[in-house]
Amino acid sequence: MNEAEKYFWTKPDGDVVRLGLTKDAQDELGNITYIDLPKPGSQVQAGETFASMEAEKAVSDMPSPVSGKVVTVNPALKDGPDALNGDWDDAWLLTLSQK
């Protein structure tokens, strides 16, 4: 398992895939205090850094497990990263178009 697969789950839905933080990532990073994500329309490449996170236990540049064009960013993250510190199913970051 590579780092991207360890830290992120993916959930395909038609031509898009939702990308979120795994329980392992939440446990290893601790409480996330800041995240910098790409804007809708940006291109993300598998294996390349797409997000920067600051947390209790680490500051990390995170590689994407998949490639695609950013369609949406989780609106719950607009006011801060709190959504990433709860239930992992709600800890999604963005959706990518793989067309």
N, C-alpha and C. Protein backbone atom coordinates (compact mmCIF):
# COMPACT_ATOMS: atom_id res chain seq x y z
N MET A 1 0.85 -1.18 0.00
CA MET A 1 0.00 0.00 0.00
C MET A 1 0.90 1.24 0.00
N ASN A 2 0.64 2.15 -0.96
CA ASN A 2 1.43 3.37 -0.99
C ASN A 2 0.80 4.43 -0.07
N GLU A 3 1.50 5.56 0.10
CA GLU A 3 1.05 6.59 1.04
C GLU A 3 -0.32 7.14 0.66
N ALA A 4 -0.56 7.36 -0.64
CA ALA A 4 -1.84 7.91 -1.08
C ALA A 4 -2.98 6.95 -0.74
N GLU A 5 -2.76 5.65 -0.91
CA GLU A 5 -3.80 4.66 -0.61
C GLU A 5 -4.02 4.51 0.89
N LYS A 6 -2.98 4.74 1.67
CA LYS A 6 -3.09 4.65 3.12
C LYS A 6 -3.91 5.80 3.69
N TYR A 7 -3.72 7.00 3.13
CA TYR A 7 -4.34 8.19 3.68
C TYR A 7 -5.69 8.56 3.08
N PHE A 8 -5.98 8.07 1.87
CA PHE A 8 -7.20 8.49 1.19
C PHE A 8 -8.04 7.33 0.72
N TRP A 9 -9.35 7.48 0.88
CA TRP A 9 -10.28 6.53 0.28
C TRP A 9 -10.86 7.19 -0.97
N THR A 10 -11.26 6.35 -1.92
CA THR A 10 -11.90 6.85 -3.12
C THR A 10 -13.23 6.13 -3.29
N LYS A 11 -14.22 6.86 -3.79
CA LYS A 11 -15.55 6.31 -4.00
C LYS A 11 -16.03 6.75 -5.38
N PRO A 12 -15.92 5.85 -6.39
CA PRO A 12 -16.37 6.19 -7.74
C PRO A 12 -17.89 6.35 -7.79
N ASP A 13 -18.34 7.30 -8.61
CA ASP A 13 -19.77 7.52 -8.83
C ASP A 13 -19.93 8.04 -10.25
N GLY A 14 -20.11 7.12 -11.19
CA GLY A 14 -20.19 7.50 -12.60
C GLY A 14 -18.84 7.98 -13.09
N ASP A 15 -18.81 9.19 -13.64
CA ASP A 15 -17.57 9.76 -14.18
C ASP A 15 -16.76 10.53 -13.15
N VAL A 16 -17.23 10.57 -11.92
CA VAL A 16 -16.49 11.29 -10.88
C VAL A 16 -16.09 10.31 -9.77
N VAL A 17 -15.10 10.72 -9.02
CA VAL A 17 -14.66 9.94 -7.86
C VAL A 17 -14.52 10.91 -6.69
N ARG A 18 -15.07 10.49 -5.55
CA ARG A 18 -14.94 11.30 -4.33
C ARG A 18 -13.70 10.83 -3.60
N LEU A 19 -12.95 11.77 -3.08
CA LEU A 19 -11.69 11.50 -2.40
C LEU A 19 -11.79 11.98 -0.96
N GLY A 20 -11.48 11.10 0.00
CA GLY A 20 -11.58 11.48 1.40
C GLY A 20 -10.45 10.91 2.24
N LEU A 21 -10.39 11.35 3.48
CA LEU A 21 -9.37 10.89 4.43
C LEU A 21 -9.78 9.57 5.07
N THR A 22 -8.85 8.63 5.15
CA THR A 22 -9.12 7.36 5.81
C THR A 22 -9.03 7.52 7.33
N LYS A 23 -9.54 6.53 8.04
CA LYS A 23 -9.43 6.49 9.49
C LYS A 23 -7.95 6.45 9.89
N ASP A 24 -7.13 5.70 9.15
CA ASP A 24 -5.69 5.64 9.43
C ASP A 24 -5.06 7.03 9.35
N ALA A 25 -5.45 7.81 8.35
CA ALA A 25 -4.91 9.17 8.21
C ALA A 25 -5.35 10.04 9.37
N GLN A 26 -6.63 9.94 9.74
CA GLN A 26 -7.13 10.73 10.87
C GLN A 26 -6.38 10.38 12.14
N ASP A 27 -6.16 9.08 12.37
CA ASP A 27 -5.47 8.64 13.59
C ASP A 27 -4.01 9.09 13.59
N GLU A 28 -3.33 8.97 12.44
CA GLU A 28 -1.91 9.31 12.37
C GLU A 28 -1.66 10.82 12.44
N LEU A 29 -2.53 11.60 11.80
CA LEU A 29 -2.35 13.05 11.77
C LEU A 29 -2.83 13.75 13.03
N GLY A 30 -3.85 13.20 13.67
CA GLY A 30 -4.46 13.88 14.81
C GLY A 30 -5.43 14.95 14.31
N ASN A 31 -5.80 15.85 15.17
CA ASN A 31 -6.76 16.90 14.84
C ASN A 31 -6.20 17.80 13.73
N ILE A 32 -6.90 17.88 12.61
CA ILE A 32 -6.45 18.70 11.49
C ILE A 32 -6.86 20.15 11.75
N THR A 33 -5.88 21.04 11.64
CA THR A 33 -6.12 22.45 11.94
C THR A 33 -6.13 23.34 10.71
N TYR A 34 -5.60 22.84 9.57
CA TYR A 34 -5.55 23.63 8.35
C TYR A 34 -5.42 22.70 7.17
N ILE A 35 -6.09 23.05 6.07
CA ILE A 35 -5.92 22.30 4.82
C ILE A 35 -5.98 23.25 3.64
N ASP A 36 -5.11 23.03 2.68
CA ASP A 36 -5.08 23.81 1.45
C ASP A 36 -5.36 22.85 0.31
N LEU A 37 -6.51 23.04 -0.36
CA LEU A 37 -6.94 22.16 -1.44
C LEU A 37 -6.96 22.91 -2.76
N PRO A 38 -6.87 22.16 -3.88
CA PRO A 38 -6.96 22.82 -5.19
C PRO A 38 -8.38 23.32 -5.44
N LYS A 39 -8.50 24.33 -6.28
CA LYS A 39 -9.79 24.92 -6.63
C LYS A 39 -10.48 24.09 -7.72
N PRO A 40 -11.82 24.16 -7.80
CA PRO A 40 -12.52 23.50 -8.91
C PRO A 40 -11.93 23.95 -10.25
N GLY A 41 -11.78 22.99 -11.14
CA GLY A 41 -11.18 23.26 -12.44
C GLY A 41 -9.70 22.89 -12.50
N SER A 42 -9.07 22.74 -11.34
CA SER A 42 -7.65 22.36 -11.28
C SER A 42 -7.48 20.90 -11.67
N GLN A 43 -6.32 20.59 -12.23
CA GLN A 43 -5.98 19.22 -12.59
C GLN A 43 -5.15 18.60 -11.47
N VAL A 44 -5.46 17.36 -11.11
CA VAL A 44 -4.73 16.62 -10.08
C VAL A 44 -4.15 15.36 -10.73
N GLN A 45 -2.89 15.07 -10.43
CA GLN A 45 -2.23 13.89 -10.98
C GLN A 45 -1.94 12.87 -9.88
N ALA A 46 -2.23 11.61 -10.15
CA ALA A 46 -1.95 10.54 -9.20
C ALA A 46 -0.47 10.55 -8.83
N GLY A 47 -0.20 10.45 -7.54
CA GLY A 47 1.17 10.41 -7.05
C GLY A 47 1.79 11.78 -6.81
N GLU A 48 1.13 12.84 -7.28
CA GLU A 48 1.66 14.19 -7.09
C GLU A 48 0.91 14.89 -5.96
N THR A 49 1.57 15.82 -5.30
CA THR A 49 0.96 16.56 -4.19
C THR A 49 -0.24 17.35 -4.68
N PHE A 50 -1.36 17.21 -3.98
CA PHE A 50 -2.55 17.97 -4.33
C PHE A 50 -3.09 18.76 -3.14
N ALA A 51 -2.63 18.44 -1.92
CA ALA A 51 -3.13 19.12 -0.72
C ALA A 51 -2.02 19.23 0.31
N SER A 52 -2.10 20.30 1.10
CA SER A 52 -1.21 20.47 2.25
C SER A 52 -2.08 20.52 3.49
N MET A 53 -1.68 19.78 4.52
CA MET A 53 -2.44 19.73 5.76
C MET A 53 -1.54 20.01 6.95
N GLU A 54 -2.11 20.72 7.91
CA GLU A 54 -1.45 20.90 9.19
C GLU A 54 -2.33 20.23 10.24
N ALA A 55 -1.71 19.47 11.10
CA ALA A 55 -2.44 18.74 12.14
C ALA A 55 -1.61 18.72 13.42
N GLU A 56 -2.21 18.18 14.47
CA GLU A 56 -1.53 18.11 15.77
C GLU A 56 -0.18 17.40 15.67
N LYS A 57 -0.14 16.33 14.89
CA LYS A 57 1.04 15.47 14.88
C LYS A 57 1.94 15.65 13.67
N ALA A 58 1.49 16.39 12.65
CA ALA A 58 2.31 16.48 11.44
C ALA A 58 1.85 17.63 10.54
N VAL A 59 2.77 18.09 9.71
CA VAL A 59 2.46 18.98 8.60
C VAL A 59 2.85 18.17 7.37
N SER A 60 1.91 18.00 6.44
CA SER A 60 2.16 17.08 5.34
C SER A 60 1.69 17.62 4.01
N ASP A 61 2.47 17.35 2.96
CA ASP A 61 2.03 17.51 1.59
C ASP A 61 1.52 16.13 1.19
N MET A 62 0.28 16.08 0.68
CA MET A 62 -0.37 14.80 0.44
C MET A 62 -0.45 14.47 -1.04
N PRO A 63 -0.01 13.26 -1.43
CA PRO A 63 -0.11 12.84 -2.83
C PRO A 63 -1.51 12.27 -3.13
N SER A 64 -1.99 12.54 -4.31
CA SER A 64 -3.31 12.04 -4.71
C SER A 64 -3.22 10.59 -5.15
N PRO A 65 -4.23 9.78 -4.80
CA PRO A 65 -4.25 8.39 -5.26
C PRO A 65 -4.80 8.26 -6.68
N VAL A 66 -5.43 9.31 -7.20
CA VAL A 66 -6.05 9.26 -8.53
C VAL A 66 -5.81 10.58 -9.28
N SER A 67 -5.98 10.51 -10.60
CA SER A 67 -5.87 11.70 -11.44
C SER A 67 -7.26 12.17 -11.84
N GLY A 68 -7.38 13.47 -12.10
CA GLY A 68 -8.64 14.00 -12.60
C GLY A 68 -8.71 15.50 -12.43
N LYS A 69 -9.84 16.05 -12.87
CA LYS A 69 -10.09 17.48 -12.78
C LYS A 69 -11.03 17.72 -11.60
N VAL A 70 -10.67 18.66 -10.72
CA VAL A 70 -11.47 18.94 -9.53
C VAL A 70 -12.83 19.49 -9.96
N VAL A 71 -13.90 18.82 -9.51
CA VAL A 71 -15.27 19.25 -9.80
C VAL A 71 -15.80 20.07 -8.62
N THR A 72 -15.71 19.49 -7.42
CA THR A 72 -16.19 20.18 -6.22
C THR A 72 -15.24 19.95 -5.07
N VAL A 73 -15.24 20.90 -4.15
CA VAL A 73 -14.53 20.78 -2.88
C VAL A 73 -15.62 20.70 -1.82
N ASN A 74 -15.42 19.86 -0.81
CA ASN A 74 -16.42 19.69 0.25
C ASN A 74 -16.80 21.06 0.82
N PRO A 75 -18.09 21.48 0.67
CA PRO A 75 -18.48 22.80 1.17
C PRO A 75 -18.34 22.95 2.68
N ALA A 76 -18.33 21.83 3.40
CA ALA A 76 -18.16 21.88 4.86
C ALA A 76 -16.77 22.37 5.24
N LEU A 77 -15.82 22.37 4.29
CA LEU A 77 -14.45 22.80 4.57
C LEU A 77 -14.26 24.29 4.35
N LYS A 78 -15.29 24.97 3.84
CA LYS A 78 -15.18 26.40 3.55
C LYS A 78 -14.81 27.21 4.80
N ASP A 79 -15.38 26.84 5.93
CA ASP A 79 -15.15 27.58 7.17
C ASP A 79 -14.06 26.98 8.05
N GLY A 80 -13.38 25.95 7.57
CA GLY A 80 -12.32 25.32 8.34
C GLY A 80 -12.36 23.81 8.19
N PRO A 81 -11.35 23.11 8.70
CA PRO A 81 -11.19 21.69 8.49
C PRO A 81 -11.93 20.78 9.48
N ASP A 82 -12.84 21.32 10.30
CA ASP A 82 -13.49 20.50 11.33
C ASP A 82 -14.15 19.24 10.79
N ALA A 83 -14.71 19.30 9.59
CA ALA A 83 -15.37 18.11 9.01
C ALA A 83 -14.40 16.95 8.83
N LEU A 84 -13.12 17.25 8.76
CA LEU A 84 -12.11 16.19 8.57
C LEU A 84 -11.75 15.48 9.86
N ASN A 85 -12.23 15.98 10.98
CA ASN A 85 -11.88 15.41 12.27
C ASN A 85 -12.97 14.51 12.85
N GLY A 86 -14.03 14.28 12.09
CA GLY A 86 -15.13 13.45 12.58
C GLY A 86 -15.23 12.14 11.83
N ASP A 87 -16.47 11.70 11.61
CA ASP A 87 -16.75 10.46 10.91
C ASP A 87 -16.06 10.44 9.56
N TRP A 88 -15.35 9.36 9.24
CA TRP A 88 -14.54 9.34 8.03
C TRP A 88 -15.38 9.47 6.77
N ASP A 89 -16.65 9.06 6.80
CA ASP A 89 -17.51 9.18 5.62
C ASP A 89 -17.80 10.64 5.31
N ASP A 90 -17.80 11.50 6.33
CA ASP A 90 -17.99 12.94 6.14
C ASP A 90 -16.67 13.65 5.85
N ALA A 91 -15.55 12.94 6.03
CA ALA A 91 -14.22 13.53 5.88
C ALA A 91 -13.76 13.47 4.42
N TRP A 92 -14.65 13.87 3.52
CA TRP A 92 -14.25 13.90 2.12
C TRP A 92 -13.71 15.27 1.76
N LEU A 93 -12.80 15.27 0.80
CA LEU A 93 -12.10 16.49 0.42
C LEU A 93 -12.67 17.10 -0.85
N LEU A 94 -12.74 16.29 -1.90
CA LEU A 94 -13.16 16.80 -3.18
C LEU A 94 -13.64 15.68 -4.09
N THR A 95 -14.27 16.08 -5.19
CA THR A 95 -14.63 15.12 -6.23
C THR A 95 -13.84 15.47 -7.48
N LEU A 96 -13.44 14.44 -8.20
CA LEU A 96 -12.65 14.60 -9.43
C LEU A 96 -13.38 13.97 -10.60
N SER A 97 -13.37 14.65 -11.73
CA SER A 97 -13.88 14.09 -12.97
C SER A 97 -12.75 13.30 -13.62
N GLN A 98 -13.06 12.08 -14.04
CA GLN A 98 -12.01 11.28 -14.67
C GLN A 98 -12.25 11.13 -16.17
N LYS A 99 -13.07 11.99 -16.73
CA LYS A 99 -13.31 11.98 -18.18
C LYS A 99 -12.12 12.49 -18.93
